[in-house]
Amino acid sequence: MVKLSKLKIKKEDYIFFSIVFAVIIIDQITKFLIRNYFAVNQILFILDHMLYFTYLQNTGAGFGIFKNSIAVLIWISVIVIGVVLYFYDKIPKLASALILGGTIGNLIDRIFLGYVVDFIDFRIWPAFNVADSCLFIGVILLAINFFIKKEEKYHKSSYK
């Protein structure tokens, strides 16, 4: 039997899971508000000609791909969660926390609603939500980190 007092939880682990939890909570609260105070396809002008809230029920993934493929998207989400947790010690914490929180936020919608609630609408880009934003930012941070590490490795090997 493992005693909990012997488990060492680092500060970065608390921060990581706090970010994941915050992303999920903010995402789900905003989607709850949209679902309960908007009709489907209803539009609210936030910043005229710039930002709108438009309640959409997305049965696919970004840019409308995989429409009506909820089971596939659920499995992809589970795989992403597994990969992030498997590589937990090897990838940047902020990027992976945002990716994990965003993935779980949209997974909750797919499991319980059968679609993802999208509502942030700039009209020049498909509508999205808080989870999508966090996923996007997390992937960008991960890519930046990857290219910085690759560049550092290249420079170290070229000076030897």
Protein backbone atom coordinates (compact mmCIF):
# COMPACT_ATOMS: atom_id res chain seq x y z
CA MET A 1 0.00 0.00 0.00
CA VAL A 2 1.32 3.43 -0.93
CA LYS A 3 1.11 6.06 1.75
CA LEU A 4 -0.05 9.43 0.47
CA SER A 5 2.35 11.19 2.82
CA LYS A 6 5.26 9.68 0.88
CA LEU A 7 4.04 10.95 -2.48
CA LYS A 8 5.95 14.05 -3.46
CA ILE A 9 3.87 16.50 -5.42
CA LYS A 10 5.92 19.32 -6.85
CA LYS A 11 4.77 22.92 -7.04
CA GLU A 12 4.81 22.74 -10.85
CA ASP A 13 2.32 19.84 -10.65
CA TYR A 14 -0.10 21.98 -8.63
CA ILE A 15 0.29 24.81 -11.12
CA PHE A 16 -0.15 22.44 -14.07
CA PHE A 17 -3.36 20.89 -12.76
CA SER A 18 -4.65 24.29 -11.59
CA ILE A 19 -4.31 25.58 -15.16
CA VAL A 20 -6.01 22.47 -16.56
CA PHE A 21 -8.86 22.84 -14.05
CA ALA A 22 -9.20 26.60 -14.69
CA VAL A 23 -9.40 26.08 -18.45
CA ILE A 24 -12.10 23.42 -18.04
CA ILE A 25 -14.13 25.51 -15.58
CA ILE A 26 -13.96 28.74 -17.62
CA ASP A 27 -14.75 26.83 -20.81
CA GLN A 28 -17.73 25.02 -19.32
CA ILE A 29 -19.14 28.13 -17.61
CA THR A 30 -19.00 30.17 -20.81
CA LYS A 31 -20.62 27.35 -22.79
CA PHE A 32 -23.31 26.92 -20.11
CA LEU A 33 -24.14 30.61 -20.31
CA ILE A 34 -24.32 30.54 -24.10
CA ARG A 35 -26.52 27.39 -24.11
CA ASN A 36 -28.87 28.84 -21.52
CA TYR A 37 -29.19 32.44 -22.69
CA PHE A 38 -28.92 32.12 -26.48
CA ALA A 39 -30.95 30.34 -29.11
CA VAL A 40 -28.99 28.31 -31.65
CA ASN A 41 -27.59 30.67 -34.32
CA GLN A 42 -28.50 33.73 -32.23
CA ILE A 43 -25.99 36.55 -32.64
CA LEU A 44 -24.93 39.19 -30.10
CA PHE A 45 -22.79 42.05 -31.36
CA ILE A 46 -19.96 42.62 -28.90
CA LEU A 47 -17.71 44.88 -30.95
CA ASP A 48 -19.62 45.86 -34.08
CA HIS A 49 -17.98 44.51 -37.25
CA MET A 50 -15.27 42.81 -35.16
CA LEU A 51 -16.47 40.43 -32.46
CA TYR A 52 -19.77 38.61 -32.16
CA PHE A 53 -21.13 35.88 -29.94
CA THR A 54 -22.94 33.39 -32.17
CA TYR A 55 -24.27 30.19 -30.61
CA LEU A 56 -23.33 27.27 -32.85
CA GLN A 57 -23.53 23.53 -32.24
CA ASN A 58 -20.45 22.02 -33.87
CA THR A 59 -20.68 18.26 -34.50
CA GLY A 60 -17.23 18.23 -36.10
CA ALA A 61 -13.77 19.54 -35.39
CA GLY A 62 -12.10 22.81 -36.38
CA PHE A 63 -12.98 24.27 -39.78
CA GLY A 64 -15.92 21.88 -40.06
CA ILE A 65 -13.85 18.74 -40.63
CA PHE A 66 -15.16 15.37 -39.39
CA LYS A 67 -18.78 16.60 -39.28
CA ASN A 68 -21.04 14.19 -37.37
CA SER A 69 -18.07 12.04 -36.32
CA ILE A 70 -18.56 12.33 -32.56
CA ALA A 71 -17.24 8.83 -31.75
CA VAL A 72 -14.05 9.41 -33.78
CA LEU A 73 -13.51 12.81 -32.18
CA ILE A 74 -14.05 11.35 -28.70
CA TRP A 75 -11.37 8.72 -29.39
CA ILE A 76 -9.00 11.35 -30.80
CA SER A 77 -9.52 13.39 -27.62
CA VAL A 78 -8.81 10.37 -25.41
CA ILE A 79 -5.62 9.69 -27.39
CA VAL A 80 -4.50 13.34 -27.08
CA ILE A 81 -5.11 13.21 -23.32
CA GLY A 82 -3.09 9.99 -23.08
CA VAL A 83 -0.21 11.41 -25.12
CA VAL A 84 -0.07 14.61 -23.06
CA LEU A 85 -0.06 12.65 -19.80
CA TYR A 86 2.48 10.11 -21.13
CA PHE A 87 4.89 12.88 -22.12
CA TYR A 88 4.08 14.97 -19.03
CA ASP A 89 7.73 15.23 -17.92
CA LYS A 90 9.08 15.87 -21.41
CA ILE A 91 6.97 18.75 -22.74
CA PRO A 92 6.51 22.32 -21.45
CA LYS A 93 3.97 22.46 -18.66
CA LEU A 94 2.02 25.54 -19.77
CA ALA A 95 1.59 24.25 -23.33
CA SER A 96 0.55 20.79 -22.18
CA ALA A 97 -1.82 22.18 -19.50
CA LEU A 98 -3.59 24.34 -22.09
CA ILE A 99 -3.83 21.45 -24.54
CA LEU A 100 -5.10 19.07 -21.85
CA GLY A 101 -7.64 21.56 -20.47
CA GLY A 102 -8.91 22.45 -23.94
CA THR A 103 -9.18 18.83 -25.00
CA ILE A 104 -11.10 17.87 -21.87
CA GLY A 105 -13.38 20.91 -22.21
CA ASN A 106 -14.45 19.91 -25.71
CA LEU A 107 -14.57 16.23 -24.77
CA ILE A 108 -17.12 17.01 -22.05
CA ASP A 109 -19.35 18.65 -24.66
CA ARG A 110 -19.02 15.77 -27.12
CA ILE A 111 -19.85 13.16 -24.48
CA PHE A 112 -22.75 14.95 -22.78
CA LEU A 113 -24.20 17.06 -25.62
CA GLY A 114 -23.17 15.29 -28.81
CA TYR A 115 -21.68 18.52 -30.15
CA VAL A 116 -19.28 21.27 -29.09
CA VAL A 117 -20.64 24.70 -28.23
CA ASP A 118 -18.87 27.38 -30.28
CA PHE A 119 -19.66 31.05 -29.85
CA ILE A 120 -16.67 33.38 -30.27
CA ASP A 121 -17.10 34.70 -33.79
CA PHE A 122 -14.79 37.14 -35.57
CA ARG A 123 -16.55 36.50 -38.90
CA ILE A 124 -13.20 36.07 -40.70
CA TRP A 125 -12.55 32.77 -38.93
CA PRO A 126 -14.84 29.87 -37.96
CA ALA A 127 -16.50 30.32 -34.56
CA PHE A 128 -14.66 28.79 -31.62
CA ASN A 129 -14.72 28.62 -27.82
CA VAL A 130 -12.43 28.94 -24.78
CA ALA A 131 -11.24 25.33 -25.07
CA ASP A 132 -10.35 25.83 -28.74
CA SER A 133 -8.42 29.00 -27.86
CA CYS A 134 -6.44 27.20 -25.18
CA LEU A 135 -5.73 24.27 -27.50
CA PHE A 136 -4.50 26.64 -30.20
CA ILE A 137 -2.28 28.62 -27.81
CA GLY A 138 -0.92 25.38 -26.30
CA VAL A 139 -0.04 23.95 -29.71
CA ILE A 140 1.66 27.23 -30.73
CA LEU A 141 3.69 27.26 -27.49
CA LEU A 142 4.64 23.62 -28.06
CA ALA A 143 5.73 24.36 -31.63
CA ILE A 144 7.78 27.38 -30.54
CA ASN A 145 9.45 25.29 -27.86
CA PHE A 146 10.16 22.51 -30.36
CA PHE A 147 11.77 24.90 -32.84
CA ILE A 148 13.81 26.65 -30.13
CA LYS A 149 15.09 23.30 -28.84
CA LYS A 150 15.84 22.17 -32.38
CA GLU A 151 17.72 25.41 -33.10
CA GLU A 152 19.69 25.11 -29.84
CA LYS A 153 20.59 21.51 -30.67
CA TYR A 154 21.69 22.56 -34.17
CA HIS A 155 23.88 25.36 -32.84
CA LYS A 156 25.45 23.14 -30.19
CA SER A 157 26.31 20.45 -32.73
CA SER A 158 27.73 22.92 -35.27
CA TYR A 159 30.21 24.40 -32.76
CA LYS A 160 31.74 21.07 -31.76
